Amino acid sequence: MKLTVGQTLKSVVDETALVVVRCPDQDLAVTCGGHEMAPQDAPGERVPAAANGPGVLLGKRYTAEGFDLELLCVKGGDHAVAVNGTEVEQKSAKPLPASD
């Protein structure tokens, strides 16, 4: 799926919802629980999850190694999120400069 900045993706297996903060100019498969996530306005029903794993936390930013991608969690969930098969990792905060 071609992602755009500001786009909201929703999971078809749980309540997970992510907003695209930064994305590359290429097609990516963002999955949750083994199923591809859908645009927020797409109709659909829940399906059973193929894979369980660490979920995402509300308000945290996530990236996937090897991709210039950043996702913001706006609704947490209980299933693993991955980009093209690479599980996302929580982005760590940048350390502030010391003011001695």
PDB file of N, CA and C in Angstrom:
ATOM      1  N   MET A   1       0.846  -1.167   0.000  1.00  0.00           N
ATOM      2  CA  MET A   1       0.000   0.000   0.000  1.00  0.00           C
ATOM      3  C   MET A   1       0.897   1.237   0.000  1.00  0.00           C
ATOM      4  N   LYS A   2       0.510   2.227  -0.719  1.00  0.00           N
ATOM      5  CA  LYS A   2       1.231   3.498  -0.760  1.00  0.00           C
ATOM      6  C   LYS A   2       0.769   4.328   0.434  1.00  0.00           C
ATOM      7  N   LEU A   3       1.675   4.668   1.336  1.00  0.00           N
ATOM      8  CA  LEU A   3       1.346   5.438   2.527  1.00  0.00           C
ATOM      9  C   LEU A   3       1.544   6.925   2.269  1.00  0.00           C
ATOM     10  N   THR A   4       0.777   7.755   2.977  1.00  0.00           N
ATOM     11  CA  THR A   4       0.941   9.197   2.911  1.00  0.00           C
ATOM     12  C   THR A   4       0.999   9.746   4.329  1.00  0.00           C
ATOM     13  N   VAL A   5       1.738  10.829   4.509  1.00  0.00           N
ATOM     14  CA  VAL A   5       1.853  11.457   5.817  1.00  0.00           C
ATOM     15  C   VAL A   5       0.476  11.939   6.264  1.00  0.00           C
ATOM     16  N   GLY A   6       0.119  11.640   7.503  1.00  0.00           N
ATOM     17  CA  GLY A   6      -1.169  12.025   8.057  1.00  0.00           C
ATOM     18  C   GLY A   6      -2.243  10.963   7.914  1.00  0.00           C
ATOM     19  N   GLN A   7      -1.956   9.928   7.151  1.00  0.00           N
ATOM     20  CA  GLN A   7      -2.921   8.841   6.945  1.00  0.00           C
ATOM     21  C   GLN A   7      -3.056   8.020   8.229  1.00  0.00           C
ATOM     22  N   THR A   8      -4.282   7.618   8.559  1.00  0.00           N
ATOM     23  CA  THR A   8      -4.531   6.762   9.714  1.00  0.00           C
ATOM     24  C   THR A   8      -4.806   5.345   9.235  1.00  0.00           C
ATOM     25  N   LEU A   9      -4.101   4.390   9.841  1.00  0.00           N
ATOM     26  CA  LEU A   9      -4.283   2.980   9.524  1.00  0.00           C
ATOM     27  C   LEU A   9      -4.942   2.299  10.705  1.00  0.00           C
ATOM     28  N   LYS A  10      -5.894   1.396  10.425  1.00  0.00           N
ATOM     29  CA  LYS A  10      -6.547   0.664  11.511  1.00  0.00           C
ATOM     30  C   LYS A  10      -6.325  -0.828  11.319  1.00  0.00           C
ATOM     31  N   SER A  11      -6.272  -1.532  12.415  1.00  0.00           N
ATOM     32  CA  SER A  11      -6.085  -2.973  12.393  1.00  0.00           C
ATOM     33  C   SER A  11      -7.416  -3.673  12.140  1.00  0.00           C
ATOM     34  N   VAL A  12      -7.338  -4.831  11.499  1.00  0.00           N
ATOM     35  CA  VAL A  12      -8.550  -5.634  11.294  1.00  0.00           C
ATOM     36  C   VAL A  12      -8.649  -6.750  12.338  1.00  0.00           C
ATOM     37  N   VAL A  13      -7.664  -6.824  13.262  1.00  0.00           N
ATOM     38  CA  VAL A  13      -7.688  -7.876  14.287  1.00  0.00           C
ATOM     39  C   VAL A  13      -7.926  -7.348  15.700  1.00  0.00           C
ATOM     40  N   ASP A  14      -7.619  -6.072  15.944  1.00  0.00           N
ATOM     41  CA  ASP A  14      -7.858  -5.493  17.267  1.00  0.00           C
ATOM     42  C   ASP A  14      -8.091  -3.992  17.123  1.00  0.00           C
ATOM     43  N   GLU A  15      -7.938  -3.259  18.208  1.00  0.00           N
ATOM     44  CA  GLU A  15      -8.229  -1.819  18.224  1.00  0.00           C
ATOM     45  C   GLU A  15      -7.070  -0.949  17.752  1.00  0.00           C
ATOM     46  N   THR A  16      -5.950  -1.504  17.380  1.00  0.00           N
ATOM     47  CA  THR A  16      -4.767  -0.732  17.006  1.00  0.00           C
ATOM     48  C   THR A  16      -5.072   0.259  15.893  1.00  0.00           C
ATOM     49  N   ALA A  17      -4.605   1.512  16.085  1.00  0.00           N
ATOM     50  CA  ALA A  17      -4.699   2.543  15.053  1.00  0.00           C
ATOM     51  C   ALA A  17      -3.401   3.337  15.062  1.00  0.00           C
ATOM     52  N   LEU A  18      -2.842   3.574  13.890  1.00  0.00           N
ATOM     53  CA  LEU A  18      -1.571   4.273  13.744  1.00  0.00           C
ATOM     54  C   LEU A  18      -1.701   5.409  12.748  1.00  0.00           C
ATOM     55  N   VAL A  19      -1.012   6.531  13.022  1.00  0.00           N
ATOM     56  CA  VAL A  19      -0.955   7.650  12.091  1.00  0.00           C
ATOM     57  C   VAL A  19       0.441   7.669  11.493  1.00  0.00           C
ATOM     58  N   VAL A  20       0.524   7.831  10.172  1.00  0.00           N
ATOM     59  CA  VAL A  20       1.811   7.892   9.476  1.00  0.00           C
ATOM     60  C   VAL A  20       2.397   9.280   9.685  1.00  0.00           C
ATOM     61  N   VAL A  21       3.578   9.354  10.323  1.00  0.00           N
ATOM     62  CA  VAL A  21       4.258  10.619  10.585  1.00  0.00           C
ATOM     63  C   VAL A  21       5.295  10.888   9.494  1.00  0.00           C
ATOM     64  N   ARG A  22       5.992   9.837   9.070  1.00  0.00           N
ATOM     65  CA  ARG A  22       7.002   9.940   8.010  1.00  0.00           C
ATOM     66  C   ARG A  22       6.983   8.631   7.241  1.00  0.00           C
ATOM     67  N   CYS A  23       7.100   8.709   5.918  1.00  0.00           N
ATOM     68  CA  CYS A  23       7.075   7.485   5.125  1.00  0.00           C
ATOM     69  C   CYS A  23       7.900   7.641   3.852  1.00  0.00           C
ATOM     70  N   PRO A  24       8.446   6.535   3.357  1.00  0.00           N
ATOM     71  CA  PRO A  24       9.203   6.572   2.106  1.00  0.00           C
ATOM     72  C   PRO A  24       8.248   6.599   0.907  1.00  0.00           C
ATOM     73  N   ASP A  25       8.807   6.875  -0.240  1.00  0.00           N
ATOM     74  CA  ASP A  25       8.008   6.928  -1.469  1.00  0.00           C
ATOM     75  C   ASP A  25       8.024   5.565  -2.147  1.00  0.00           C
ATOM     76  N   GLN A  26       7.489   4.558  -1.448  1.00  0.00           N
ATOM     77  CA  GLN A  26       7.410   3.199  -1.988  1.00  0.00           C
ATOM     78  C   GLN A  26       6.244   2.478  -1.331  1.00  0.00           C
ATOM     79  N   ASP A  27       5.807   1.399  -1.952  1.00  0.00           N
ATOM     80  CA  ASP A  27       4.726   0.601  -1.379  1.00  0.00           C
ATOM     81  C   ASP A  27       5.242  -0.201  -0.197  1.00  0.00           C
ATOM     82  N   LEU A  28       4.491  -0.173   0.906  1.00  0.00           N
ATOM     83  CA  LEU A  28       4.846  -0.923   2.110  1.00  0.00           C
ATOM     84  C   LEU A  28       3.633  -1.704   2.589  1.00  0.00           C
ATOM     85  N   ALA A  29       3.877  -2.861   3.170  1.00  0.00           N
ATOM     86  CA  ALA A  29       2.812  -3.660   3.774  1.00  0.00           C
ATOM     87  C   ALA A  29       2.921  -3.519   5.288  1.00  0.00           C
ATOM     88  N   VAL A  30       2.008  -2.766   5.881  1.00  0.00           N
ATOM     89  CA  VAL A  30       1.969  -2.598   7.333  1.00  0.00           C
ATOM     90  C   VAL A  30       0.939  -3.588   7.855  1.00  0.00           C
ATOM     91  N   THR A  31       1.391  -4.519   8.698  1.00  0.00           N
ATOM     92  CA  THR A  31       0.507  -5.560   9.203  1.00  0.00           C
ATOM     93  C   THR A  31       0.370  -5.501  10.714  1.00  0.00           C
ATOM     94  N   CYS A  32      -0.755  -5.994  11.199  1.00  0.00           N
ATOM     95  CA  CYS A  32      -1.000  -6.114  12.630  1.00  0.00           C
ATOM     96  C   CYS A  32      -1.605  -7.486  12.856  1.00  0.00           C
ATOM     97  N   GLY A  33      -0.978  -8.295  13.676  1.00  0.00           N
ATOM     98  CA  GLY A  33      -1.471  -9.650  13.926  1.00  0.00           C
ATOM     99  C   GLY A  33      -1.437 -10.527  12.687  1.00  0.00           C
ATOM    100  N   GLY A  34      -0.553 -10.205  11.750  1.00  0.00           N
ATOM    101  CA  GLY A  34      -0.417 -11.002  10.539  1.00  0.00           C
ATOM    102  C   GLY A  34      -1.330 -10.603   9.394  1.00  0.00           C
ATOM    103  N   HIS A  35      -2.182  -9.592   9.608  1.00  0.00           N
ATOM    104  CA  HIS A  35      -3.093  -9.118   8.564  1.00  0.00           C
ATOM    105  C   HIS A  35      -2.775  -7.667   8.232  1.00  0.00           C
ATOM    106  N   GLU A  36      -2.849  -7.323   6.942  1.00  0.00           N
ATOM    107  CA  GLU A  36      -2.537  -5.961   6.519  1.00  0.00           C
ATOM    108  C   GLU A  36      -3.525  -4.965   7.129  1.00  0.00           C
ATOM    109  N   MET A  37      -2.979  -3.831   7.602  1.00  0.00           N
ATOM    110  CA  MET A  37      -3.818  -2.779   8.169  1.00  0.00           C
ATOM    111  C   MET A  37      -4.512  -2.041   7.028  1.00  0.00           C
ATOM    112  N   ALA A  38      -5.668  -1.461   7.327  1.00  0.00           N
ATOM    113  CA  ALA A  38      -6.485  -0.789   6.317  1.00  0.00           C
ATOM    114  C   ALA A  38      -6.563   0.705   6.617  1.00  0.00           C
ATOM    115  N   PRO A  39      -6.826   1.520   5.592  1.00  0.00           N
ATOM    116  CA  PRO A  39      -7.069   2.948   5.851  1.00  0.00           C
ATOM    117  C   PRO A  39      -8.254   3.100   6.803  1.00  0.00           C
ATOM    118  N   GLN A  40      -8.252   4.174   7.566  1.00  0.00           N
ATOM    119  CA  GLN A  40      -9.274   4.367   8.605  1.00  0.00           C
ATOM    120  C   GLN A  40     -10.692   4.333   8.058  1.00  0.00           C
ATOM    121  N   ASP A  41     -10.917   4.874   6.866  1.00  0.00           N
ATOM    122  CA  ASP A  41     -12.275   4.956   6.330  1.00  0.00           C
ATOM    123  C   ASP A  41     -12.710   3.705   5.575  1.00  0.00           C
ATOM    124  N   ALA A  42     -11.852   2.694   5.499  1.00  0.00           N
ATOM    125  CA  ALA A  42     -12.190   1.465   4.772  1.00  0.00           C
ATOM    126  C   ALA A  42     -13.162   0.614   5.597  1.00  0.00           C
ATOM    127  N   PRO A  43     -14.228   0.129   4.959  1.00  0.00           N
ATOM    128  CA  PRO A  43     -15.146  -0.752   5.689  1.00  0.00           C
ATOM    129  C   PRO A  43     -14.495  -2.120   5.895  1.00  0.00           C
ATOM    130  N   GLY A  44     -14.902  -2.807   6.899  1.00  0.00           N
ATOM    131  CA  GLY A  44     -14.332  -4.139   7.126  1.00  0.00           C
ATOM    132  C   GLY A  44     -14.768  -4.710   8.445  1.00  0.00           C
ATOM    133  N   GLU A  45     -14.624  -6.013   8.548  1.00  0.00           N
ATOM    134  CA  GLU A  45     -14.969  -6.722   9.773  1.00  0.00           C
ATOM    135  C   GLU A  45     -13.707  -7.269  10.409  1.00  0.00           C
ATOM    136  N   ARG A  46     -13.803  -7.576  11.679  1.00  0.00           N
ATOM    137  CA  ARG A  46     -12.668  -8.159  12.398  1.00  0.00           C
ATOM    138  C   ARG A  46     -12.399  -9.568  11.898  1.00  0.00           C
ATOM    139  N   VAL A  47     -11.121  -9.917  11.862  1.00  0.00           N
ATOM    140  CA  VAL A  47     -10.715 -11.271  11.492  1.00  0.00           C
ATOM    141  C   VAL A  47      -9.836 -11.809  12.606  1.00  0.00           C
ATOM    142  N   PRO A  48      -9.740 -13.135  12.758  1.00  0.00           N
ATOM    143  CA  PRO A  48      -8.872 -13.685  13.794  1.00  0.00           C
ATOM    144  C   PRO A  48      -7.407 -13.389  13.483  1.00  0.00           C
ATOM    145  N   ALA A  49      -6.650 -13.102  14.509  1.00  0.00           N
ATOM    146  CA  ALA A  49      -5.233 -12.787  14.337  1.00  0.00           C
ATOM    147  C   ALA A  49      -4.438 -14.037  14.014  1.00  0.00           C
ATOM    148  N   ALA A  50      -3.500 -13.908  13.079  1.00  0.00           N
ATOM    149  CA  ALA A  50      -2.636 -15.019  12.707  1.00  0.00           C
ATOM    150  C   ALA A  50      -1.442 -15.107  13.649  1.00  0.00           C
ATOM    151  N   ALA A  51      -1.051 -13.973  14.205  1.00  0.00           N
ATOM    152  CA  ALA A  51       0.119 -13.954  15.074  1.00  0.00           C
ATOM    153  C   ALA A  51      -0.116 -12.989  16.221  1.00  0.00           C
ATOM    154  N   ASN A  52       0.251 -13.407  17.421  1.00  0.00           N
ATOM    155  CA  ASN A  52       0.166 -12.545  18.582  1.00  0.00           C
ATOM    156  C   ASN A  52       1.578 -12.083  18.904  1.00  0.00           C
ATOM    157  N   GLY A  53       1.701 -11.053  19.665  1.00  0.00           N
ATOM    158  CA  GLY A  53       3.028 -10.562  20.017  1.00  0.00           C
ATOM    159  C   GLY A  53       2.895  -9.296  20.821  1.00  0.00           C
ATOM    160  N   PRO A  54       4.003  -8.621  20.999  1.00  0.00           N
ATOM    161  CA  PRO A  54       3.930  -7.382  21.769  1.00  0.00           C
ATOM    162  C   PRO A  54       3.124  -6.345  21.000  1.00  0.00           C
ATOM    163  N   GLY A  55       2.169  -5.763  21.649  1.00  0.00           N
ATOM    164  CA  GLY A  55       1.346  -4.749  21.003  1.00  0.00           C
ATOM    165  C   GLY A  55       2.039  -3.400  20.988  1.00  0.00           C
ATOM    166  N   VAL A  56       1.313  -2.383  20.568  1.00  0.00           N
ATOM    167  CA  VAL A  56       1.842  -1.027  20.542  1.00  0.00           C
ATOM    168  C   VAL A  56       1.125  -0.208  21.612  1.00  0.00           C
ATOM    169  N   LEU A  57       1.800   0.812  22.102  1.00  0.00           N
ATOM    170  CA  LEU A  57       1.281   1.614  23.212  1.00  0.00           C
ATOM    171  C   LEU A  57       0.822   2.988  22.741  1.00  0.00           C
ATOM    172  N   LEU A  58      -0.277   3.458  23.280  1.00  0.00           N
ATOM    173  CA  LEU A  58      -0.854   4.743  22.952  1.00  0.00           C
ATOM    174  C   LEU A  58       0.168   5.872  23.149  1.00  0.00           C
ATOM    175  N   GLY A  59       0.284   6.741  22.165  1.00  0.00           N
ATOM    176  CA  GLY A  59       1.151   7.911  22.267  1.00  0.00           C
ATOM    177  C   GLY A  59       2.611   7.669  21.940  1.00  0.00           C
ATOM    178  N   LYS A  60       2.997   6.438  21.679  1.00  0.00           N
ATOM    179  CA  LYS A  60       4.399   6.124  21.376  1.00  0.00           C
ATOM    180  C   LYS A  60       4.616   6.124  19.865  1.00  0.00           C
ATOM    181  N   ARG A  61       5.845   6.454  19.465  1.00  0.00           N
ATOM    182  CA  ARG A  61       6.223   6.450  18.052  1.00  0.00           C
ATOM    183  C   ARG A  61       7.012   5.182  17.761  1.00  0.00           C
ATOM    184  N   TYR A  62       6.796   4.652  16.565  1.00  0.00           N
ATOM    185  CA  TYR A  62       7.421   3.393  16.174  1.00  0.00           C
ATOM    186  C   TYR A  62       8.103   3.532  14.820  1.00  0.00           C
ATOM    187  N   THR A  63       9.219   2.815  14.659  1.00  0.00           N
ATOM    188  CA  THR A  63       9.953   2.775  13.395  1.00  0.00           C
ATOM    189  C   THR A  63      10.267   1.318  13.078  1.00  0.00           C
ATOM    190  N   ALA A  64      10.625   1.075  11.829  1.00  0.00           N
ATOM    191  CA  ALA A  64      11.045  -0.264  11.410  1.00  0.00           C
ATOM    192  C   ALA A  64      12.435  -0.144  10.813  1.00  0.00           C
ATOM    193  N   GLU A  65      13.319  -1.008  11.243  1.00  0.00           N
ATOM    194  CA  GLU A  65      14.704  -0.973  10.775  1.00  0.00           C
ATOM    195  C   GLU A  65      14.760  -1.159   9.259  1.00  0.00           C
ATOM    196  N   GLY A  66      15.510  -0.282   8.604  1.00  0.00           N
ATOM    197  CA  GLY A  66      15.673  -0.371   7.161  1.00  0.00           C
ATOM    198  C   GLY A  66      14.669   0.439   6.369  1.00  0.00           C
ATOM    199  N   PHE A  67      13.742   1.103   7.049  1.00  0.00           N
ATOM    200  CA  PHE A  67      12.724   1.909   6.375  1.00  0.00           C
ATOM    201  C   PHE A  67      12.707   3.312   6.973  1.00  0.00           C
ATOM    202  N   ASP A  68      12.560   4.319   6.125  1.00  0.00           N
ATOM    203  CA  ASP A  68      12.433   5.697   6.591  1.00  0.00           C
ATOM    204  C   ASP A  68      10.961   5.926   6.917  1.00  0.00           C
ATOM    205  N   LEU A  69      10.519   5.319   8.008  1.00  0.00           N
ATOM    206  CA  LEU A  69       9.107   5.299   8.364  1.00  0.00           C
ATOM    207  C   LEU A  69       8.953   5.580   9.847  1.00  0.00           C
ATOM    208  N   GLU A  70       7.944   6.390  10.179  1.00  0.00           N
ATOM    209  CA  GLU A  70       7.626   6.639  11.575  1.00  0.00           C
ATOM    210  C   GLU A  70       6.113   6.605  11.718  1.00  0.00           C
ATOM    211  N   LEU A  71       5.639   5.837  12.702  1.00  0.00           N
ATOM    212  CA  LEU A  71       4.208   5.679  12.957  1.00  0.00           C
ATOM    213  C   LEU A  71       3.913   6.103  14.391  1.00  0.00           C
ATOM    214  N   LEU A  72       2.817   6.819  14.591  1.00  0.00           N
ATOM    215  CA  LEU A  72       2.382   7.244  15.915  1.00  0.00           C
ATOM    216  C   LEU A  72       1.148   6.442  16.294  1.00  0.00           C
ATOM    217  N   CYS A  73       1.198   5.799  17.459  1.00  0.00           N
ATOM    218  CA  CYS A  73       0.063   4.992  17.918  1.00  0.00           C
ATOM    219  C   CYS A  73      -1.005   5.900  18.531  1.00  0.00           C
ATOM    220  N   VAL A  74      -2.212   5.890  17.945  1.00  0.00           N
ATOM    221  CA  VAL A  74      -3.323   6.680  18.475  1.00  0.00           C
ATOM    222  C   VAL A  74      -4.365   5.800  19.169  1.00  0.00           C
ATOM    223  N   LYS A  75      -4.232   4.489  19.016  1.00  0.00           N
ATOM    224  CA  LYS A  75      -5.050   3.502  19.741  1.00  0.00           C
ATOM    225  C   LYS A  75      -4.204   2.260  19.914  1.00  0.00           C
ATOM    226  N   GLY A  76      -3.943   1.893  21.151  1.00  0.00           N
ATOM    227  CA  GLY A  76      -3.103   0.733  21.431  1.00  0.00           C
ATOM    228  C   GLY A  76      -3.796  -0.582  21.130  1.00  0.00           C
ATOM    229  N   GLY A  77      -2.995  -1.622  20.991  1.00  0.00           N
ATOM    230  CA  GLY A  77      -3.536  -2.941  20.716  1.00  0.00           C
ATOM    231  C   GLY A  77      -2.654  -4.037  21.276  1.00  0.00           C
ATOM    232  N   ASP A  78      -3.099  -5.283  21.114  1.00  0.00           N
ATOM    233  CA  ASP A  78      -2.417  -6.434  21.705  1.00  0.00           C
ATOM    234  C   ASP A  78      -1.645  -7.284  20.707  1.00  0.00           C
ATOM    235  N   HIS A  79      -1.572  -6.874  19.453  1.00  0.00           N
ATOM    236  CA  HIS A  79      -0.914  -7.693  18.438  1.00  0.00           C
ATOM    237  C   HIS A  79       0.296  -6.970  17.845  1.00  0.00           C
ATOM    238  N   ALA A  80       1.245  -7.757  17.376  1.00  0.00           N
ATOM    239  CA  ALA A  80       2.484  -7.220  16.816  1.00  0.00           C
ATOM    240  C   ALA A  80       2.215  -6.489  15.510  1.00  0.00           C
ATOM    241  N   VAL A  81       2.900  -5.359  15.334  1.00  0.00           N
ATOM    242  CA  VAL A  81       2.824  -4.576  14.101  1.00  0.00           C
ATOM    243  C   VAL A  81       4.148  -4.745  13.373  1.00  0.00           C
ATOM    244  N   ALA A  82       4.073  -4.951  12.048  1.00  0.00           N
ATOM    245  CA  ALA A  82       5.284  -5.136  11.243  1.00  0.00           C
ATOM    246  C   ALA A  82       5.156  -4.376   9.926  1.00  0.00           C
ATOM    247  N   VAL A  83       6.312  -4.040   9.355  1.00  0.00           N
ATOM    248  CA  VAL A  83       6.377  -3.377   8.051  1.00  0.00           C
ATOM    249  C   VAL A  83       7.178  -4.272   7.135  1.00  0.00           C
ATOM    250  N   ASN A  84       6.546  -4.770   6.073  1.00  0.00           N
ATOM    251  CA  ASN A  84       7.194  -5.715   5.142  1.00  0.00           C
ATOM    252  C   ASN A  84       7.872  -6.861   5.888  1.00  0.00           C
ATOM    253  N   GLY A  85       7.244  -7.345   6.947  1.00  0.00           N
ATOM    254  CA  GLY A  85       7.762  -8.479   7.710  1.00  0.00           C
ATOM    255  C   GLY A  85       8.720  -8.118   8.822  1.00  0.00           C
ATOM    256  N   THR A  86       9.148  -6.855   8.908  1.00  0.00           N
ATOM    257  CA  THR A  86      10.055  -6.400   9.960  1.00  0.00           C
ATOM    258  C   THR A  86       9.240  -5.784  11.086  1.00  0.00           C
ATOM    259  N   GLU A  87       9.330  -6.371  12.278  1.00  0.00           N
ATOM    260  CA  GLU A  87       8.558  -5.876  13.413  1.00  0.00           C
ATOM    261  C   GLU A  87       8.999  -4.461  13.785  1.00  0.00           C
ATOM    262  N   VAL A  88       8.022  -3.605  14.103  1.00  0.00           N
ATOM    263  CA  VAL A  88       8.336  -2.221  14.472  1.00  0.00           C
ATOM    264  C   VAL A  88       8.918  -2.178  15.882  1.00  0.00           C
ATOM    265  N   GLU A  89       9.726  -1.143  16.109  1.00  0.00           N
ATOM    266  CA  GLU A  89      10.351  -0.931  17.415  1.00  0.00           C
ATOM    267  C   GLU A  89       9.953   0.444  17.912  1.00  0.00           C
ATOM    268  N   GLN A  90       9.794   0.552  19.231  1.00  0.00           N
ATOM    269  CA  GLN A  90       9.460   1.843  19.813  1.00  0.00           C
ATOM    270  C   GLN A  90      10.637   2.788  19.645  1.00  0.00           C
ATOM    271  N   LYS A  91      10.353   3.983  19.181  1.00  0.00           N
ATOM    272  CA  LYS A  91      11.408   4.987  18.963  1.00  0.00           C
ATOM    273  C   LYS A  91      11.797   5.573  20.303  1.00  0.00           C
ATOM    274  N   SER A  92      13.079   5.676  20.552  1.00  0.00           N
ATOM    275  CA  SER A  92      13.547   6.230  21.826  1.00  0.00           C
ATOM    276  C   SER A  92      13.650   7.738  21.723  1.00  0.00           C
ATOM    277  N   ALA A  93      13.520   8.375  22.843  1.00  0.00           N
ATOM    278  CA  ALA A  93      13.598   9.844  22.901  1.00  0.00           C
ATOM    279  C   ALA A  93      15.036  10.299  22.666  1.00  0.00           C
ATOM    280  N   LYS A  94      15.172  11.427  21.994  1.00  0.00           N
ATOM    281  CA  LYS A  94      16.501  11.990  21.777  1.00  0.00           C
ATOM    282  C   LYS A  94      16.968  12.637  23.069  1.00  0.00           C
ATOM    283  N   PRO A  95      18.208  12.382  23.472  1.00  0.00           N
ATOM    284  CA  PRO A  95      18.692  12.999  24.697  1.00  0.00           C
ATOM    285  C   PRO A  95      18.871  14.520  24.494  1.00  0.00           C
ATOM    286  N   LEU A  96      18.519  15.278  25.513  1.00  0.00           N
ATOM    287  CA  LEU A  96      18.702  16.718  25.461  1.00  0.00           C
ATOM    288  C   LEU A  96      20.162  17.073  25.689  1.00  0.00           C
ATOM    289  N   PRO A  97      20.625  18.178  25.099  1.00  0.00           N
ATOM    290  CA  PRO A  97      22.011  18.551  25.329  1.00  0.00           C
ATOM    291  C   PRO A  97      22.226  18.983  26.778  1.00  0.00           C
ATOM    292  N   ALA A  98      23.384  18.693  27.274  1.00  0.00           N
ATOM    293  CA  ALA A  98      23.716  19.069  28.656  1.00  0.00           C
ATOM    294  C   ALA A  98      23.869  20.570  28.763  1.00  0.00           C
ATOM    295  N   SER A  99      23.411  21.143  29.851  1.00  0.00           N
ATOM    296  CA  SER A  99      23.547  22.579  30.068  1.00  0.00           C
ATOM    297  C   SER A  99      24.295  22.797  31.373  1.00  0.00           C
ATOM    298  N   ASP A 100      25.596  22.642  31.284  1.00  0.00           N
ATOM    299  CA  ASP A 100      26.432  22.769  32.486  1.00  0.00           C
ATOM    300  C   ASP A 100      26.683  24.196  32.850  1.00  0.00           C
TER     301      ASP A 100
END
